[in-house]
Amino acid sequence: MTPDLAFECLLLSRDPNVVRALNPVLDSLAISTRHCLTSSRALNVLREGSTDLVVIDCDENHSASELLTEISCLNRRQTVVAVSTFDRRVPGADFVLTKPITFESSARSFRVVYEWMVRDYRRYARYAVMIPVVARDQNNRLLPVTITNIGDGGVGLSTLEDISVGDVLSFRLLLPEARRAIYVEARILWTRDYGISGGEFVRIPPVDLDILHDWLKLKCQIKRPLCQVD
């Protein structure tokens, strides 16, 4: 994302009608756009690692399929929209816009795309914290642990204790400014040197899950679009 927390889009098209129709739609959604004319230039932009949305005009770029393959190989979480004359699925694309493209048709489609991007961003975003807790593993062993980050699906943590992939830790976590502590069970997915680990949520009681989701929404500050997306 850009410093003002707007999504960043890469638009690859040589068709002025496509560019003319999409630019005001993307602007209305507070999406910052970089326009490329060649696949090689687009790939260089993608490798910079800041792109959230990729729009590829498949009719105007004969190497579009190769670029879509390259995007999947980069293993990053971009939303991909293909623009095509043909109303059919495009391998590697999350959405397909069928030509002719107009402001009205693309505005409707990109509201759906935008909501998808927001959900995806919230799902994978991690927020740094530094909260010491006492966790209990599946063998009833008590472990001093520091929660280092948290997101919608899991936590990062550090500990000097010996933990392994597959261990399930339970603990109570008081998030900054939350109304009360929440109960969390998390399974360790990976470990690194120096006691750094990551885990996925296994169980959070429904009321506590609501507290977590409310807290994450407050932290997830995305630049407000100029248009109504609901």
C-alpha atoms as a PDB file:
ATOM      1  CA  MET A   1       0.000   0.000   0.000  1.00  0.00           C
ATOM      2  CA  THR A   2       0.956   3.634  -0.452  1.00  0.00           C
ATOM      3  CA  PRO A   3       1.948   5.648   2.653  1.00  0.00           C
ATOM      4  CA  ASP A   4      -1.602   7.018   2.934  1.00  0.00           C
ATOM      5  CA  LEU A   5      -2.918   3.427   3.033  1.00  0.00           C
ATOM      6  CA  ALA A   6      -4.498   3.413  -0.416  1.00  0.00           C
ATOM      7  CA  PHE A   7      -4.448   0.210  -2.431  1.00  0.00           C
ATOM      8  CA  GLU A   8      -1.983   0.238  -5.350  1.00  0.00           C
ATOM      9  CA  CYS A   9      -3.017  -0.952  -8.816  1.00  0.00           C
ATOM     10  CA  LEU A  10      -0.961  -1.917 -11.846  1.00  0.00           C
ATOM     11  CA  LEU A  11      -2.931  -1.347 -15.071  1.00  0.00           C
ATOM     12  CA  LEU A  12      -1.480  -3.029 -18.162  1.00  0.00           C
ATOM     13  CA  SER A  13      -3.246  -1.912 -21.343  1.00  0.00           C
ATOM     14  CA  ARG A  14      -2.572  -0.171 -24.653  1.00  0.00           C
ATOM     15  CA  ASP A  15      -6.271   0.416 -25.279  1.00  0.00           C
ATOM     16  CA  PRO A  16      -7.107   4.089 -24.548  1.00  0.00           C
ATOM     17  CA  ASN A  17     -10.793   3.199 -24.128  1.00  0.00           C
ATOM     18  CA  VAL A  18      -9.970   0.780 -21.321  1.00  0.00           C
ATOM     19  CA  VAL A  19      -7.650   3.245 -19.609  1.00  0.00           C
ATOM     20  CA  ARG A  20     -10.159   6.082 -20.009  1.00  0.00           C
ATOM     21  CA  ALA A  21     -12.969   4.009 -18.464  1.00  0.00           C
ATOM     22  CA  LEU A  22     -10.988   2.487 -15.587  1.00  0.00           C
ATOM     23  CA  ASN A  23      -8.964   5.446 -14.333  1.00  0.00           C
ATOM     24  CA  PRO A  24     -11.908   7.395 -12.840  1.00  0.00           C
ATOM     25  CA  VAL A  25     -13.347   4.198 -11.331  1.00  0.00           C
ATOM     26  CA  LEU A  26     -10.064   3.360  -9.607  1.00  0.00           C
ATOM     27  CA  ASP A  27      -9.701   6.970  -8.450  1.00  0.00           C
ATOM     28  CA  SER A  28     -13.201   6.896  -6.945  1.00  0.00           C
ATOM     29  CA  LEU A  29     -12.173   3.845  -4.899  1.00  0.00           C
ATOM     30  CA  ALA A  30      -9.028   5.642  -3.651  1.00  0.00           C
ATOM     31  CA  ILE A  31      -6.866   3.144  -5.549  1.00  0.00           C
ATOM     32  CA  SER A  32      -3.525   4.527  -6.728  1.00  0.00           C
ATOM     33  CA  THR A  33      -2.787   3.415 -10.301  1.00  0.00           C
ATOM     34  CA  ARG A  34       0.423   2.852 -12.261  1.00  0.00           C
ATOM     35  CA  HIS A  35      -0.104   2.435 -16.002  1.00  0.00           C
ATOM     36  CA  CYS A  36       2.237   0.169 -18.002  1.00  0.00           C
ATOM     37  CA  LEU A  37       2.273  -0.473 -21.748  1.00  0.00           C
ATOM     38  CA  THR A  38       4.459  -3.603 -21.803  1.00  0.00           C
ATOM     39  CA  SER A  39       4.523  -6.861 -19.878  1.00  0.00           C
ATOM     40  CA  SER A  40       8.233  -6.504 -19.148  1.00  0.00           C
ATOM     41  CA  ARG A  41       7.671  -3.134 -17.504  1.00  0.00           C
ATOM     42  CA  ALA A  42       4.680  -4.493 -15.592  1.00  0.00           C
ATOM     43  CA  LEU A  43       6.723  -7.389 -14.262  1.00  0.00           C
ATOM     44  CA  ASN A  44       9.402  -5.002 -13.003  1.00  0.00           C
ATOM     45  CA  VAL A  45       6.742  -3.040 -11.143  1.00  0.00           C
ATOM     46  CA  LEU A  46       5.312  -6.225  -9.645  1.00  0.00           C
ATOM     47  CA  ARG A  47       8.726  -7.260  -8.378  1.00  0.00           C
ATOM     48  CA  GLU A  48       8.854  -4.087  -6.299  1.00  0.00           C
ATOM     49  CA  GLY A  49       6.313  -5.835  -4.087  1.00  0.00           C
ATOM     50  CA  SER A  50       3.830  -3.025  -3.350  1.00  0.00           C
ATOM     51  CA  THR A  51       1.067  -3.865  -5.855  1.00  0.00           C
ATOM     52  CA  ASP A  52      -2.318  -4.926  -4.435  1.00  0.00           C
ATOM     53  CA  LEU A  53      -4.350  -5.080  -7.667  1.00  0.00           C
ATOM     54  CA  VAL A  54      -3.328  -6.067 -11.200  1.00  0.00           C
ATOM     55  CA  VAL A  55      -5.554  -5.273 -14.194  1.00  0.00           C
ATOM     56  CA  ILE A  56      -4.405  -6.905 -17.447  1.00  0.00           C
ATOM     57  CA  ASP A  57      -5.883  -6.202 -20.868  1.00  0.00           C
ATOM     58  CA  CYS A  58      -5.557  -9.650 -22.408  1.00  0.00           C
ATOM     59  CA  ASP A  59      -6.550  -8.481 -25.902  1.00  0.00           C
ATOM     60  CA  GLU A  60      -3.843  -5.840 -26.105  1.00  0.00           C
ATOM     61  CA  ASN A  61      -1.031  -7.899 -24.598  1.00  0.00           C
ATOM     62  CA  HIS A  62      -0.081 -11.091 -26.406  1.00  0.00           C
ATOM     63  CA  SER A  63       2.108 -12.157 -23.474  1.00  0.00           C
ATOM     64  CA  ALA A  64      -0.722 -11.750 -20.943  1.00  0.00           C
ATOM     65  CA  SER A  65      -0.882 -15.485 -20.188  1.00  0.00           C
ATOM     66  CA  GLU A  66       2.852 -15.571 -19.489  1.00  0.00           C
ATOM     67  CA  LEU A  67       2.509 -12.556 -17.210  1.00  0.00           C
ATOM     68  CA  LEU A  68      -0.334 -14.203 -15.312  1.00  0.00           C
ATOM     69  CA  THR A  69       1.896 -17.253 -14.807  1.00  0.00           C
ATOM     70  CA  GLU A  70       4.718 -15.000 -13.599  1.00  0.00           C
ATOM     71  CA  ILE A  71       2.369 -13.349 -11.095  1.00  0.00           C
ATOM     72  CA  SER A  72       1.420 -16.717  -9.607  1.00  0.00           C
ATOM     73  CA  CYS A  73       5.107 -17.636  -9.359  1.00  0.00           C
ATOM     74  CA  LEU A  74       5.837 -14.453  -7.407  1.00  0.00           C
ATOM     75  CA  ASN A  75       3.698 -15.967  -4.633  1.00  0.00           C
ATOM     76  CA  ARG A  76       2.229 -12.657  -3.537  1.00  0.00           C
ATOM     77  CA  ARG A  77      -1.364 -11.914  -2.688  1.00  0.00           C
ATOM     78  CA  GLN A  78      -2.476  -9.609  -5.474  1.00  0.00           C
ATOM     79  CA  THR A  79      -6.013  -9.474  -6.781  1.00  0.00           C
ATOM     80  CA  VAL A  80      -5.924 -10.016 -10.546  1.00  0.00           C
ATOM     81  CA  VAL A  81      -8.538  -8.688 -12.987  1.00  0.00           C
ATOM     82  CA  ALA A  82      -8.425  -9.702 -16.645  1.00  0.00           C
ATOM     83  CA  VAL A  83     -10.042  -7.524 -19.328  1.00  0.00           C
ATOM     84  CA  SER A  84     -11.096  -9.493 -22.396  1.00  0.00           C
ATOM     85  CA  THR A  85     -13.419  -9.464 -25.365  1.00  0.00           C
ATOM     86  CA  PHE A  86     -14.526 -12.978 -24.420  1.00  0.00           C
ATOM     87  CA  ASP A  87     -16.779 -13.651 -21.444  1.00  0.00           C
ATOM     88  CA  ARG A  88     -14.969 -16.679 -20.085  1.00  0.00           C
ATOM     89  CA  ARG A  89     -12.656 -17.662 -17.279  1.00  0.00           C
ATOM     90  CA  VAL A  90      -9.032 -16.546 -17.602  1.00  0.00           C
ATOM     91  CA  PRO A  91      -6.525 -18.827 -15.807  1.00  0.00           C
ATOM     92  CA  GLY A  92      -4.712 -16.890 -13.104  1.00  0.00           C
ATOM     93  CA  ALA A  93      -7.322 -14.132 -12.848  1.00  0.00           C
ATOM     94  CA  ASP A  94      -9.738 -13.645  -9.952  1.00  0.00           C
ATOM     95  CA  PHE A  95     -12.202 -11.583 -12.007  1.00  0.00           C
ATOM     96  CA  VAL A  96     -12.896 -11.029 -15.716  1.00  0.00           C
ATOM     97  CA  LEU A  97     -14.271  -7.791 -17.203  1.00  0.00           C
ATOM     98  CA  THR A  98     -15.778  -8.182 -20.658  1.00  0.00           C
ATOM     99  CA  LYS A  99     -15.327  -5.537 -23.330  1.00  0.00           C
ATOM    100  CA  PRO A 100     -16.634  -3.076 -24.278  1.00  0.00           C
ATOM    101  CA  ILE A 101     -15.646  -1.409 -20.997  1.00  0.00           C
ATOM    102  CA  THR A 102     -17.672   1.577 -19.838  1.00  0.00           C
ATOM    103  CA  PHE A 103     -17.467   3.644 -16.693  1.00  0.00           C
ATOM    104  CA  GLU A 104     -20.831   2.320 -15.493  1.00  0.00           C
ATOM    105  CA  SER A 105     -20.078  -1.379 -16.072  1.00  0.00           C
ATOM    106  CA  SER A 106     -16.583  -1.201 -14.611  1.00  0.00           C
ATOM    107  CA  ALA A 107     -17.816   0.783 -11.587  1.00  0.00           C
ATOM    108  CA  ARG A 108     -20.251  -2.005 -10.721  1.00  0.00           C
ATOM    109  CA  SER A 109     -17.607  -4.693 -11.185  1.00  0.00           C
ATOM    110  CA  PHE A 110     -14.887  -2.899  -9.254  1.00  0.00           C
ATOM    111  CA  ARG A 111     -17.088  -2.384  -6.220  1.00  0.00           C
ATOM    112  CA  VAL A 112     -17.123  -6.184  -5.930  1.00  0.00           C
ATOM    113  CA  VAL A 113     -13.366  -6.301  -6.547  1.00  0.00           C
ATOM    114  CA  TYR A 114     -12.775  -3.654  -3.886  1.00  0.00           C
ATOM    115  CA  GLU A 115     -14.777  -5.520  -1.250  1.00  0.00           C
ATOM    116  CA  TRP A 116     -12.820  -8.696  -2.098  1.00  0.00           C
ATOM    117  CA  MET A 117      -9.536  -6.790  -1.636  1.00  0.00           C
ATOM    118  CA  VAL A 118     -10.578  -5.360   1.723  1.00  0.00           C
ATOM    119  CA  ARG A 119     -11.549  -8.813   3.036  1.00  0.00           C
ATOM    120  CA  ASP A 120      -8.287 -10.276   1.741  1.00  0.00           C
ATOM    121  CA  TYR A 121      -6.240  -7.467   3.277  1.00  0.00           C
ATOM    122  CA  ARG A 122      -7.893  -7.888   6.656  1.00  0.00           C
ATOM    123  CA  ARG A 123      -7.400 -11.641   6.483  1.00  0.00           C
ATOM    124  CA  TYR A 124      -3.637 -11.485   6.004  1.00  0.00           C
ATOM    125  CA  ALA A 125      -2.715  -8.227   7.740  1.00  0.00           C
ATOM    126  CA  ARG A 126      -0.628  -8.568  10.911  1.00  0.00           C
ATOM    127  CA  TYR A 127      -0.450  -5.950  13.648  1.00  0.00           C
ATOM    128  CA  ALA A 128       2.583  -5.662  15.863  1.00  0.00           C
ATOM    129  CA  VAL A 129       2.090  -6.021  19.608  1.00  0.00           C
ATOM    130  CA  MET A 130       4.379  -6.988  22.458  1.00  0.00           C
ATOM    131  CA  ILE A 131       2.239  -8.726  25.060  1.00  0.00           C
ATOM    132  CA  PRO A 132       3.650 -11.218  27.599  1.00  0.00           C
ATOM    133  CA  VAL A 133       1.326 -14.111  28.489  1.00  0.00           C
ATOM    134  CA  VAL A 134       1.552 -17.449  30.250  1.00  0.00           C
ATOM    135  CA  ALA A 135       0.493 -20.154  27.805  1.00  0.00           C
ATOM    136  CA  ARG A 136      -0.466 -23.750  28.510  1.00  0.00           C
ATOM    137  CA  ASP A 137       0.383 -26.480  25.996  1.00  0.00           C
ATOM    138  CA  GLN A 138      -1.431 -29.751  25.286  1.00  0.00           C
ATOM    139  CA  ASN A 139       0.630 -31.461  28.005  1.00  0.00           C
ATOM    140  CA  ASN A 140      -0.470 -28.927  30.621  1.00  0.00           C
ATOM    141  CA  ARG A 141       2.982 -27.335  30.666  1.00  0.00           C
ATOM    142  CA  LEU A 142       3.067 -23.615  31.495  1.00  0.00           C
ATOM    143  CA  LEU A 143       5.232 -21.493  29.188  1.00  0.00           C
ATOM    144  CA  PRO A 144       6.134 -17.792  29.325  1.00  0.00           C
ATOM    145  CA  VAL A 145       5.420 -16.445  25.841  1.00  0.00           C
ATOM    146  CA  THR A 146       5.407 -13.000  24.216  1.00  0.00           C
ATOM    147  CA  ILE A 147       2.806 -12.376  21.518  1.00  0.00           C
ATOM    148  CA  THR A 148       4.582 -10.275  18.870  1.00  0.00           C
ATOM    149  CA  ASN A 149       1.840  -9.838  16.250  1.00  0.00           C
ATOM    150  CA  ILE A 150      -1.763 -10.816  15.639  1.00  0.00           C
ATOM    151  CA  GLY A 151      -4.145 -10.970  12.694  1.00  0.00           C
ATOM    152  CA  ASP A 152      -7.431 -12.485  11.631  1.00  0.00           C
ATOM    153  CA  GLY A 153      -6.020 -16.004  11.358  1.00  0.00           C
ATOM    154  CA  GLY A 154      -3.231 -16.325  13.872  1.00  0.00           C
ATOM    155  CA  VAL A 155      -0.398 -14.914  15.953  1.00  0.00           C
ATOM    156  CA  GLY A 156       3.345 -14.532  15.964  1.00  0.00           C
ATOM    157  CA  LEU A 157       5.131 -15.258  19.194  1.00  0.00           C
ATOM    158  CA  SER A 158       8.510 -15.617  20.814  1.00  0.00           C
ATOM    159  CA  THR A 159       9.608 -17.774  23.726  1.00  0.00           C
ATOM    160  CA  LEU A 160      12.784 -19.236  25.207  1.00  0.00           C
ATOM    161  CA  GLU A 161      10.910 -22.469  25.900  1.00  0.00           C
ATOM    162  CA  ASP A 162      11.073 -25.515  23.625  1.00  0.00           C
ATOM    163  CA  ILE A 163       8.000 -25.676  21.386  1.00  0.00           C
ATOM    164  CA  SER A 164       7.408 -27.683  18.222  1.00  0.00           C
ATOM    165  CA  VAL A 165       5.260 -27.518  15.104  1.00  0.00           C
ATOM    166  CA  GLY A 166       1.870 -28.990  15.981  1.00  0.00           C
ATOM    167  CA  ASP A 167       1.868 -27.901  19.627  1.00  0.00           C
ATOM    168  CA  VAL A 168      -1.366 -26.245  20.724  1.00  0.00           C
ATOM    169  CA  LEU A 169      -1.023 -23.324  23.124  1.00  0.00           C
ATOM    170  CA  SER A 170      -3.880 -21.744  25.063  1.00  0.00           C
ATOM    171  CA  PHE A 171      -3.687 -18.368  26.764  1.00  0.00           C
ATOM    172  CA  ARG A 172      -5.592 -15.236  27.671  1.00  0.00           C
ATOM    173  CA  LEU A 173      -4.639 -12.120  25.750  1.00  0.00           C
ATOM    174  CA  LEU A 174      -5.473  -8.529  26.655  1.00  0.00           C
ATOM    175  CA  LEU A 175      -5.180  -6.457  23.486  1.00  0.00           C
ATOM    176  CA  PRO A 176      -4.390  -2.737  23.852  1.00  0.00           C
ATOM    177  CA  GLU A 177      -7.593  -0.788  24.620  1.00  0.00           C
ATOM    178  CA  ALA A 178      -9.769  -3.928  24.348  1.00  0.00           C
ATOM    179  CA  ARG A 179     -12.567  -4.110  26.898  1.00  0.00           C
ATOM    180  CA  ARG A 180     -11.310  -7.411  28.336  1.00  0.00           C
ATOM    181  CA  ALA A 181      -8.908 -10.267  27.727  1.00  0.00           C
ATOM    182  CA  ILE A 182      -9.793 -12.922  25.135  1.00  0.00           C
ATOM    183  CA  TYR A 183      -9.191 -16.654  25.311  1.00  0.00           C
ATOM    184  CA  VAL A 184      -7.138 -18.115  22.456  1.00  0.00           C
ATOM    185  CA  GLU A 185      -6.061 -21.586  21.390  1.00  0.00           C
ATOM    186  CA  ALA A 186      -3.408 -21.566  18.655  1.00  0.00           C
ATOM    187  CA  ARG A 187      -1.548 -24.352  16.853  1.00  0.00           C
ATOM    188  CA  ILE A 188       2.131 -23.786  16.068  1.00  0.00           C
ATOM    189  CA  LEU A 189       2.677 -23.855  12.279  1.00  0.00           C
ATOM    190  CA  TRP A 190       6.361 -22.956  12.075  1.00  0.00           C
ATOM    191  CA  THR A 191       9.353 -22.189  14.258  1.00  0.00           C
ATOM    192  CA  ARG A 192      12.595 -20.312  13.599  1.00  0.00           C
ATOM    193  CA  ASP A 193      15.848 -19.703  15.413  1.00  0.00           C
ATOM    194  CA  TYR A 194      15.886 -17.457  18.486  1.00  0.00           C
ATOM    195  CA  GLY A 195      12.492 -18.703  19.657  1.00  0.00           C
ATOM    196  CA  ILE A 196      10.365 -17.067  16.948  1.00  0.00           C
ATOM    197  CA  SER A 197       7.201 -18.973  15.976  1.00  0.00           C
ATOM    198  CA  GLY A 198       3.894 -18.543  14.194  1.00  0.00           C
ATOM    199  CA  GLY A 199       0.546 -20.147  14.910  1.00  0.00           C
ATOM    200  CA  GLU A 200      -2.977 -20.416  13.534  1.00  0.00           C
ATOM    201  CA  PHE A 201      -6.101 -20.009  15.622  1.00  0.00           C
ATOM    202  CA  VAL A 202      -7.725 -23.291  16.583  1.00  0.00           C
ATOM    203  CA  ARG A 203     -10.434 -21.994  18.879  1.00  0.00           C
ATOM    204  CA  ILE A 204     -11.644 -18.631  20.154  1.00  0.00           C
ATOM    205  CA  PRO A 205     -15.030 -18.404  21.927  1.00  0.00           C
ATOM    206  CA  PRO A 206     -17.613 -16.482  19.858  1.00  0.00           C
ATOM    207  CA  VAL A 207     -17.805 -13.486  22.206  1.00  0.00           C
ATOM    208  CA  ASP A 208     -14.009 -13.236  22.321  1.00  0.00           C
ATOM    209  CA  LEU A 209     -13.851 -13.576  18.535  1.00  0.00           C
ATOM    210  CA  ASP A 210     -16.149 -10.566  18.233  1.00  0.00           C
ATOM    211  CA  ILE A 211     -13.777  -8.581  20.458  1.00  0.00           C
ATOM    212  CA  LEU A 212     -10.830  -9.599  18.285  1.00  0.00           C
ATOM    213  CA  HIS A 213     -12.616  -8.699  15.041  1.00  0.00           C
ATOM    214  CA  ASP A 214     -13.683  -5.309  16.416  1.00  0.00           C
ATOM    215  CA  TRP A 215     -10.090  -4.619  17.474  1.00  0.00           C
ATOM    216  CA  LEU A 216      -8.715  -5.630  14.072  1.00  0.00           C
ATOM    217  CA  LYS A 217     -11.218  -3.405  12.249  1.00  0.00           C
ATOM    218  CA  LEU A 218     -10.032  -0.423  14.276  1.00  0.00           C
ATOM    219  CA  LYS A 219      -6.448  -1.206  13.310  1.00  0.00           C
ATOM    220  CA  CYS A 220      -7.236  -1.813   9.634  1.00  0.00           C
ATOM    221  CA  GLN A 221      -7.222   1.766   8.380  1.00  0.00           C
ATOM    222  CA  ILE A 222      -7.698   1.831   4.591  1.00  0.00           C
ATOM    223  CA  LYS A 223      -8.135   5.106   2.731  1.00  0.00           C
ATOM    224  CA  ARG A 224     -11.861   5.729   2.425  1.00  0.00           C
ATOM    225  CA  PRO A 225     -13.216   5.511  -1.147  1.00  0.00           C
ATOM    226  CA  LEU A 226     -15.017   8.501  -2.610  1.00  0.00           C
ATOM    227  CA  CYS A 227     -17.945   6.364  -3.775  1.00  0.00           C
ATOM    228  CA  GLN A 228     -20.386   4.060  -2.017  1.00  0.00           C
ATOM    229  CA  VAL A 229     -19.230   0.426  -2.166  1.00  0.00           C
ATOM    230  CA  ASP A 230     -21.947  -1.322  -0.138  1.00  0.00           C
END
